[in-house]
């Protein structure tokens, strides 16, 4: 599976919990959250657009950093 790196504006654990929640609902993803560096690394067959739109459902700013 391709691995993608995203920036998500996360300042505390509640933010990372929101990210976990939306990604778990999407399904078919494995992810790691790096809260101090505000990064989310995602392994998924979903498109980058789908992943980015899913992350934006948290209400936080999110952007794609590229393949990991």
N, C-alpha and C. Protein backbone atom coordinates (compact mmCIF):
# COMPACT_ATOMS: atom_id res chain seq x y z
N UNK A 1 0.84 -1.19 0.00
CA UNK A 1 0.00 0.00 0.00
C UNK A 1 0.88 1.24 0.00
N UNK A 2 0.47 2.24 -0.74
CA UNK A 2 1.22 3.51 -0.71
C UNK A 2 1.13 4.17 0.67
N UNK A 3 2.20 4.83 1.07
CA UNK A 3 2.22 5.55 2.34
C UNK A 3 2.30 7.04 2.04
N UNK A 4 1.39 7.79 2.64
CA UNK A 4 1.30 9.23 2.39
C UNK A 4 1.46 9.99 3.70
N UNK A 5 2.07 11.18 3.60
CA UNK A 5 2.26 12.03 4.77
C UNK A 5 1.41 13.28 4.63
N UNK A 6 0.67 13.59 5.69
CA UNK A 6 -0.19 14.77 5.72
C UNK A 6 0.15 15.62 6.93
N UNK A 7 -0.01 16.93 6.78
CA UNK A 7 0.03 17.85 7.91
C UNK A 7 -1.41 18.05 8.37
N UNK A 8 -1.63 17.99 9.67
CA UNK A 8 -2.95 18.30 10.23
C UNK A 8 -2.70 19.19 11.44
N UNK A 9 -3.40 20.32 11.50
CA UNK A 9 -3.24 21.28 12.58
C UNK A 9 -3.80 20.69 13.88
N UNK A 10 -2.94 19.99 14.62
CA UNK A 10 -3.35 19.33 15.86
C UNK A 10 -2.54 19.93 17.01
N UNK A 11 -3.24 20.38 18.05
CA UNK A 11 -2.53 20.97 19.18
C UNK A 11 -2.60 20.12 20.44
N UNK A 12 -3.55 19.20 20.50
CA UNK A 12 -3.67 18.37 21.70
C UNK A 12 -4.31 17.02 21.35
N UNK A 13 -4.41 16.18 22.36
CA UNK A 13 -4.87 14.81 22.14
C UNK A 13 -6.28 14.72 21.56
N UNK A 14 -7.13 15.66 21.91
CA UNK A 14 -8.49 15.66 21.36
C UNK A 14 -8.48 15.78 19.85
N UNK A 15 -7.52 16.55 19.33
CA UNK A 15 -7.39 16.71 17.88
C UNK A 15 -6.97 15.39 17.24
N UNK A 16 -6.01 14.72 17.85
CA UNK A 16 -5.56 13.44 17.28
C UNK A 16 -6.65 12.38 17.40
N UNK A 17 -7.48 12.45 18.44
CA UNK A 17 -8.60 11.52 18.56
C UNK A 17 -9.61 11.74 17.44
N UNK A 18 -9.82 13.00 17.06
CA UNK A 18 -10.74 13.30 15.95
C UNK A 18 -10.20 12.73 14.65
N UNK A 19 -8.89 12.84 14.43
CA UNK A 19 -8.26 12.27 13.24
C UNK A 19 -8.43 10.76 13.24
N UNK A 20 -8.18 10.11 14.35
CA UNK A 20 -8.35 8.66 14.45
C UNK A 20 -9.78 8.25 14.13
N UNK A 21 -10.72 8.99 14.64
CA UNK A 21 -12.14 8.68 14.45
C UNK A 21 -12.52 8.72 12.97
N UNK A 22 -12.16 9.79 12.26
CA UNK A 22 -12.56 9.90 10.85
C UNK A 22 -11.84 8.87 9.98
N UNK A 23 -10.58 8.58 10.29
CA UNK A 23 -9.85 7.59 9.50
C UNK A 23 -10.38 6.18 9.75
N UNK A 24 -10.75 5.87 10.99
CA UNK A 24 -11.32 4.56 11.29
C UNK A 24 -12.68 4.38 10.60
N UNK A 25 -13.46 5.44 10.50
CA UNK A 25 -14.75 5.37 9.80
C UNK A 25 -14.54 5.14 8.31
N UNK A 26 -13.47 5.70 7.75
CA UNK A 26 -13.18 5.52 6.32
C UNK A 26 -12.87 4.06 6.02
N UNK A 27 -12.11 3.44 6.90
CA UNK A 27 -11.75 2.03 6.73
C UNK A 27 -10.67 1.83 5.68
N UNK A 28 -10.03 0.67 5.75
CA UNK A 28 -9.01 0.33 4.78
C UNK A 28 -7.74 1.16 4.88
N UNK A 29 -7.48 1.69 6.08
CA UNK A 29 -6.29 2.52 6.28
C UNK A 29 -5.52 2.04 7.51
N UNK A 30 -4.23 2.20 7.46
CA UNK A 30 -3.37 2.07 8.62
C UNK A 30 -2.68 3.41 8.77
N UNK A 31 -2.59 3.91 9.98
CA UNK A 31 -2.04 5.26 10.14
C UNK A 31 -1.27 5.40 11.44
N UNK A 32 -0.38 6.37 11.43
CA UNK A 32 0.39 6.76 12.62
C UNK A 32 0.23 8.26 12.77
N UNK A 33 -0.04 8.69 13.99
CA UNK A 33 -0.19 10.12 14.27
C UNK A 33 1.02 10.60 15.05
N UNK A 34 1.67 11.63 14.54
CA UNK A 34 2.82 12.27 15.20
C UNK A 34 2.32 13.63 15.70
N UNK A 35 1.74 13.64 16.89
CA UNK A 35 1.11 14.85 17.43
C UNK A 35 2.08 16.02 17.59
N UNK A 36 3.29 15.82 18.16
CA UNK A 36 4.20 16.96 18.33
C UNK A 36 4.58 17.64 17.01
N UNK A 37 4.68 16.86 15.93
CA UNK A 37 5.06 17.43 14.64
C UNK A 37 3.86 17.67 13.72
N UNK A 38 2.65 17.41 14.24
CA UNK A 38 1.40 17.62 13.51
C UNK A 38 1.39 16.90 12.16
N UNK A 39 1.82 15.63 12.17
CA UNK A 39 1.86 14.83 10.95
C UNK A 39 1.03 13.57 11.13
N UNK A 40 0.44 13.12 10.03
CA UNK A 40 -0.27 11.86 10.00
C UNK A 40 0.26 11.08 8.80
N UNK A 41 0.80 9.90 9.05
CA UNK A 41 1.28 9.02 7.99
C UNK A 41 0.23 7.94 7.78
N UNK A 42 -0.22 7.79 6.54
CA UNK A 42 -1.33 6.89 6.23
C UNK A 42 -0.91 5.90 5.15
N UNK A 43 -1.14 4.61 5.42
CA UNK A 43 -1.01 3.56 4.41
C UNK A 43 -2.42 3.25 3.93
N UNK A 44 -2.66 3.43 2.62
CA UNK A 44 -4.01 3.21 2.13
C UNK A 44 -4.03 3.12 0.61
N UNK A 45 -5.01 2.41 0.09
CA UNK A 45 -5.25 2.37 -1.35
C UNK A 45 -6.20 3.49 -1.78
N UNK A 46 -6.76 4.21 -0.80
CA UNK A 46 -7.64 5.34 -1.12
C UNK A 46 -6.81 6.43 -1.80
N UNK A 47 -7.47 7.25 -2.61
CA UNK A 47 -6.77 8.35 -3.28
C UNK A 47 -6.35 9.42 -2.27
N UNK A 48 -5.35 10.19 -2.65
CA UNK A 48 -4.89 11.30 -1.80
C UNK A 48 -6.05 12.27 -1.55
N UNK A 49 -6.85 12.55 -2.57
CA UNK A 49 -7.99 13.46 -2.40
C UNK A 49 -8.98 12.94 -1.37
N UNK A 50 -9.26 11.65 -1.42
CA UNK A 50 -10.18 11.05 -0.44
C UNK A 50 -9.62 11.16 0.96
N UNK A 51 -8.34 10.86 1.11
CA UNK A 51 -7.72 10.94 2.43
C UNK A 51 -7.71 12.38 2.95
N UNK A 52 -7.36 13.32 2.08
CA UNK A 52 -7.31 14.73 2.50
C UNK A 52 -8.70 15.24 2.88
N UNK A 53 -9.70 14.90 2.08
CA UNK A 53 -11.07 15.33 2.39
C UNK A 53 -11.55 14.71 3.69
N UNK A 54 -11.14 13.47 3.96
CA UNK A 54 -11.50 12.81 5.21
C UNK A 54 -10.85 13.53 6.39
N UNK A 55 -9.57 13.87 6.27
CA UNK A 55 -8.89 14.59 7.35
C UNK A 55 -9.52 15.95 7.60
N UNK A 56 -9.98 16.61 6.55
CA UNK A 56 -10.60 17.93 6.69
C UNK A 56 -11.94 17.87 7.40
N UNK A 57 -12.54 16.69 7.47
CA UNK A 57 -13.81 16.53 8.19
C UNK A 57 -13.64 16.78 9.69
N UNK A 58 -12.40 16.78 10.17
CA UNK A 58 -12.14 17.07 11.58
C UNK A 58 -12.33 18.56 11.89
N UNK A 59 -12.38 19.38 10.84
CA UNK A 59 -12.49 20.83 11.03
C UNK A 59 -11.12 21.49 11.17
N UNK A 60 -10.08 20.70 11.07
CA UNK A 60 -8.70 21.22 11.20
C UNK A 60 -8.12 21.46 9.81
N UNK A 61 -7.17 22.39 9.73
CA UNK A 61 -6.44 22.57 8.48
C UNK A 61 -5.63 21.31 8.21
N UNK A 62 -5.64 20.88 6.95
CA UNK A 62 -4.88 19.69 6.57
C UNK A 62 -4.30 19.91 5.18
N UNK A 63 -3.12 19.36 4.96
CA UNK A 63 -2.49 19.45 3.63
C UNK A 63 -1.66 18.20 3.39
N UNK A 64 -1.46 17.91 2.12
CA UNK A 64 -0.70 16.73 1.71
C UNK A 64 0.77 17.10 1.58
N UNK A 65 1.65 16.34 2.21
CA UNK A 65 3.08 16.58 2.14
C UNK A 65 3.79 15.72 1.12
N UNK A 66 3.18 14.62 0.70
CA UNK A 66 3.79 13.76 -0.30
C UNK A 66 3.89 12.33 0.15
N UNK A 67 4.49 11.52 -0.73
CA UNK A 67 4.68 10.11 -0.41
C UNK A 67 5.75 9.98 0.66
N UNK A 68 5.59 8.99 1.49
CA UNK A 68 6.55 8.75 2.58
C UNK A 68 7.47 7.63 2.19
